[in-house]
Structures are given as structure tokens and as C-alpha cells.
Protein backbone atom coordinates (compact mmCIF):
# COMPACT_ATOMS: atom_id res chain seq x y z
CA UNK A 1 15.50 6.23 -13.41
CA UNK A 2 15.42 2.52 -14.11
CA UNK A 3 12.83 0.23 -12.57
CA UNK A 4 14.35 -2.44 -10.34
CA UNK A 5 13.28 -5.93 -11.45
CA UNK A 6 15.45 -8.28 -9.37
CA UNK A 7 15.04 -8.28 -5.60
CA UNK A 8 17.05 -9.95 -2.84
CA UNK A 9 14.08 -10.40 -0.53
CA UNK A 10 10.72 -12.15 -0.65
CA UNK A 11 7.61 -10.09 0.07
CA UNK A 12 7.38 -11.49 3.62
CA UNK A 13 11.06 -10.82 4.43
CA UNK A 14 12.23 -8.11 6.82
CA UNK A 15 15.74 -6.72 7.26
CA UNK A 16 17.84 -4.66 9.66
CA UNK A 17 19.38 -2.69 6.78
CA UNK A 18 18.15 -1.09 3.58
CA UNK A 19 19.02 -3.88 1.15
CA UNK A 20 16.34 -3.16 -1.48
CA UNK A 21 16.63 0.63 -1.73
CA UNK A 22 14.17 2.51 0.44
CA UNK A 23 11.13 3.64 -1.52
CA UNK A 24 11.64 1.17 -4.40
CA UNK A 25 8.40 -0.14 -5.88
CA UNK A 26 8.09 -3.81 -6.80
CA UNK A 27 5.68 -4.76 -9.61
CA UNK A 28 4.33 -8.31 -9.56
CA UNK A 29 2.74 -10.23 -12.43
CA UNK A 30 -0.86 -9.84 -11.15
CA UNK A 31 -0.50 -6.07 -11.17
CA UNK A 32 0.07 -5.83 -7.42
CA UNK A 33 2.62 -3.24 -6.26
CA UNK A 34 4.74 -3.19 -3.14
CA UNK A 35 7.05 -0.57 -1.63
CA UNK A 36 10.23 -1.23 0.41
CA UNK A 37 10.00 0.99 3.50
CA UNK A 38 11.55 1.74 6.87
CA UNK A 39 9.41 1.69 10.03
CA UNK A 40 10.37 4.86 11.93
CA UNK A 41 7.80 4.53 14.71
CA UNK A 42 8.17 3.05 18.15
CA UNK A 43 5.45 0.53 17.31
CA UNK A 44 5.97 -2.74 15.44
CA UNK A 45 3.85 -3.46 12.37
CA UNK A 46 1.92 -6.71 12.17
CA UNK A 47 1.38 -8.57 8.89
CA UNK A 48 -1.88 -7.28 7.41
CA UNK A 49 -1.89 -4.08 9.46
CA UNK A 50 -2.40 -0.64 7.97
CA UNK A 51 0.43 1.86 8.12
CA UNK A 52 0.87 5.54 7.31
CA UNK A 53 3.52 7.87 6.01
CA UNK A 54 4.68 10.15 8.87
CA UNK A 55 2.85 13.46 8.48
CA UNK A 56 6.05 15.35 9.36
CA UNK A 57 7.79 13.93 6.27
CA UNK A 58 5.54 16.01 4.01
CA UNK A 59 6.83 19.31 5.35
CA UNK A 60 10.01 18.70 7.34
CA UNK A 61 11.55 15.86 5.27
CA UNK A 62 9.91 15.86 1.81
CA UNK A 63 12.72 13.75 0.32
CA UNK A 64 11.75 10.93 2.72
CA UNK A 65 7.99 11.09 2.06
CA UNK A 66 6.82 7.76 0.64
CA UNK A 67 9.87 5.92 1.94
CA UNK A 68 9.19 5.69 5.68
CA UNK A 69 6.16 4.36 7.54
CA UNK A 70 4.83 4.50 11.05
CA UNK A 71 1.97 3.20 13.12
CA UNK A 72 -0.61 5.84 12.39
CA UNK A 73 -1.08 8.73 14.76
CA UNK A 74 -4.00 11.15 14.66
CA UNK A 75 -2.04 13.57 12.45
CA UNK A 76 -1.36 10.81 9.93
CA UNK A 77 -4.88 9.54 9.45
CA UNK A 78 -5.93 11.44 6.36
CA UNK A 79 -6.35 9.20 3.34
CA UNK A 80 -3.41 11.02 1.76
CA UNK A 81 -1.00 9.56 4.36
CA UNK A 82 -2.36 5.99 4.22
CA UNK A 83 0.70 4.07 2.99
CA UNK A 84 -0.62 0.54 2.54
CA UNK A 85 -0.69 -2.81 4.33
CA UNK A 86 2.37 -4.50 5.89
CA UNK A 87 3.37 -7.81 4.30
CA UNK A 88 5.20 -9.03 7.44
CA UNK A 89 5.84 -8.06 11.05
CA UNK A 90 8.19 -5.07 10.68
CA UNK A 91 9.95 -4.25 13.95
CA UNK A 92 9.76 -0.90 15.70
CA UNK A 93 12.54 1.54 14.95
CA UNK A 94 15.81 0.80 16.72
CA UNK A 95 19.53 0.47 16.06
CA UNK A 96 19.58 -3.26 15.26
CA UNK A 97 15.88 -3.85 14.68
CA UNK A 98 14.55 -5.53 11.55
CA UNK A 99 12.73 -2.31 10.68
CA UNK A 100 12.77 -2.58 6.86
CA UNK A 101 10.17 -4.52 4.89
CA UNK A 102 7.55 -4.56 2.14
CA UNK A 103 4.12 -2.97 2.27
CA UNK A 104 1.47 -3.56 -0.38
CA UNK A 105 0.40 -0.29 -1.97
CA UNK A 106 -1.77 -1.42 -4.86
CA UNK A 107 -3.83 -4.48 -5.81
CA UNK A 108 -5.76 -7.15 -3.91
CA UNK A 109 -4.52 -7.96 -0.41
CA UNK A 110 -6.23 -11.11 0.86
CA UNK A 111 -5.54 -10.77 4.60
CA UNK A 112 -5.81 -7.11 5.60
CA UNK A 113 -6.86 -6.45 9.19
CA UNK A 114 -10.29 -4.76 9.24
CA UNK A 115 -12.00 -3.54 12.41
CA UNK A 116 -15.23 -1.64 11.77
CA UNK A 117 -15.16 0.39 14.99
CA UNK A 118 -17.24 3.20 13.56
CA UNK A 119 -20.36 1.03 13.63
CA UNK A 120 -21.77 -2.40 14.34
CA UNK A 121 -23.22 -2.45 10.83
CA UNK A 122 -21.92 -5.27 8.65
CA UNK A 123 -19.22 -4.39 6.16
CA UNK A 124 -20.26 -4.92 2.55
CA UNK A 125 -18.32 -5.26 -0.66
CA UNK A 126 -17.43 -1.78 -1.87
CA UNK A 127 -17.12 -0.08 1.53
CA UNK A 128 -14.19 2.36 1.44
CA UNK A 129 -11.60 1.93 4.19
CA UNK A 130 -8.78 3.98 5.72
CA UNK A 131 -6.66 3.36 8.85
CA UNK A 132 -8.62 3.46 12.11
CA UNK A 133 -7.61 6.12 14.61
CA UNK A 134 -6.74 3.92 17.58
CA UNK A 135 -5.50 0.74 15.95
CA UNK A 136 -3.45 -0.46 12.98
CA UNK A 137 -6.61 -1.86 11.37
CA UNK A 138 -8.69 -0.52 8.48
CA UNK A 139 -12.05 1.07 9.25
CA UNK A 140 -14.94 2.31 7.13
CA UNK A 141 -14.33 5.76 5.61
CA UNK A 142 -18.04 6.51 5.28
CA UNK A 143 -21.17 4.45 5.82
CA UNK A 144 -22.31 4.81 2.22
CA UNK A 145 -21.46 1.99 -0.15
CA UNK A 146 -20.01 2.35 -3.64
CA UNK A 147 -19.82 -0.21 -6.41
CA UNK A 148 -17.12 -2.82 -5.94
CA UNK A 149 -13.95 -1.44 -7.46
CA UNK A 150 -15.07 2.20 -7.34
CA UNK A 151 -12.83 4.44 -5.29
CA UNK A 152 -13.55 7.60 -3.32
CA UNK A 153 -12.03 10.41 -5.36
CA UNK A 154 -11.87 12.73 -2.33
CA UNK A 155 -9.23 10.49 -0.72
CA UNK A 156 -6.05 9.80 -2.64
CA UNK A 157 -5.09 6.60 -0.80
CA UNK A 158 -7.88 4.21 0.05
CA UNK A 159 -8.80 0.53 0.37
CA UNK A 160 -12.07 -1.05 -0.78
CA UNK A 161 -13.64 -4.01 1.04
CA UNK A 162 -13.78 -7.00 -1.32
CA UNK A 163 -15.76 -9.37 0.92
CA UNK A 164 -18.47 -8.95 3.52
CA UNK A 165 -17.81 -8.64 7.25
CA UNK A 166 -20.85 -9.72 9.26
CA UNK A 167 -22.13 -7.45 12.02
CA UNK A 168 -21.07 -9.93 14.71
CA UNK A 169 -17.46 -9.61 13.50
CA UNK A 170 -17.57 -5.84 12.92
CA UNK A 171 -16.08 -5.00 16.32
CA UNK A 172 -13.37 -7.66 16.15
CA UNK A 173 -10.29 -7.36 13.94
CA UNK A 174 -10.89 -9.69 11.00
CA UNK A 175 -8.51 -10.63 8.16
CA UNK A 176 -10.31 -10.02 4.86
CA UNK A 177 -9.64 -9.20 1.22
CA UNK A 178 -9.33 -5.54 0.24
CA UNK A 179 -8.35 -3.71 -2.92
CA UNK A 180 -5.61 -1.13 -2.27
CA UNK A 181 -4.76 2.07 -4.10
CA UNK A 182 -2.04 3.85 -2.12
CA UNK A 183 0.39 4.95 -4.82
């Protein structure tokens, strides 16, 4: 299979049809990677929000796993289903909706939505993050801190906080830099 190198859309573009080839991965010069996906949920994605692969795709539709995203539900919250961070506002699923778009799956994302609802403790560089259960934000995986750049090997797909979030902002969604590994 050849790697696609020319794309019709910019990273912030959305579309009502699959013009890039669902599941295609885009490699950028900095080493960042993006995946063209379809939003199959009834919830719109917001730029910078976390999204998940539908848990049902793993068993019921394995050929679609890694190609479709949804607003995370409780069954989709394991680190293995964490898909990445939306690059634009991708509409909810619907017949004419602009439900296709890019998500970042690897590299540094400078404006990911982080909401540390698990605690009022400040977020520090190196905190591991996965999608929060009730929102489309990232939340701390555990309260222990690892070295910046180190990833939790017990979770396949994870984000690492790349800047601090003060305790006053911990309970408010804040756009911050994270390092993603969701391939």
C-alpha cells in the first residue's frame, strides 16, 4: 500500500464526503501525524477536543476500527480507544453534515483541551492524560508524574502534558500543549 503524500484538504478543513480516504494517515515535516476520520456520533467535535474510536468497531466492525471516531462514551474510555485530538469542529453524524475531518494522532498538539476533573492539584509537565469520562477534554490518567516525554506503557494511546496547568485552572477546560501517541 502506497503512502498518500498529496492532500486536497488543509488540517483544519472538514468535509461532508470522504475526499481524503477514510483512515489515511498524513505525515507532516515535524513528525506530527494526522488521520482522516468520520465522526459517527451524535455529538459534534470541537477543535482541540479528545475523541475515541467506537468500542463496537473492535468487535462488530473491525474493518472500520481506526477510521471512525465518536465523542467518547464510558465504554470507549480505555487508553486503547483514545483516537487523538480534533483539528477542527467536526459535525455530528448526519446525511449532509460535515462529519469528516483530521485528528492529530501523534506529535505535539499546542491547543488540546485539558480539564483536570480528577483533582484540584495542578497539572505538571509529564502528567499522562486520556479522555475524561464526562467531557471531550483530556484528564490525568494517574496522579503520579513521569519524566517529560515518557509514556505509560500500560496504555497504548496516551497524551503527555507538556506545560503546567495551575490548580486554579485545573477545574476549567484549558487549551495547552500535549504530546500525543495514538497510533
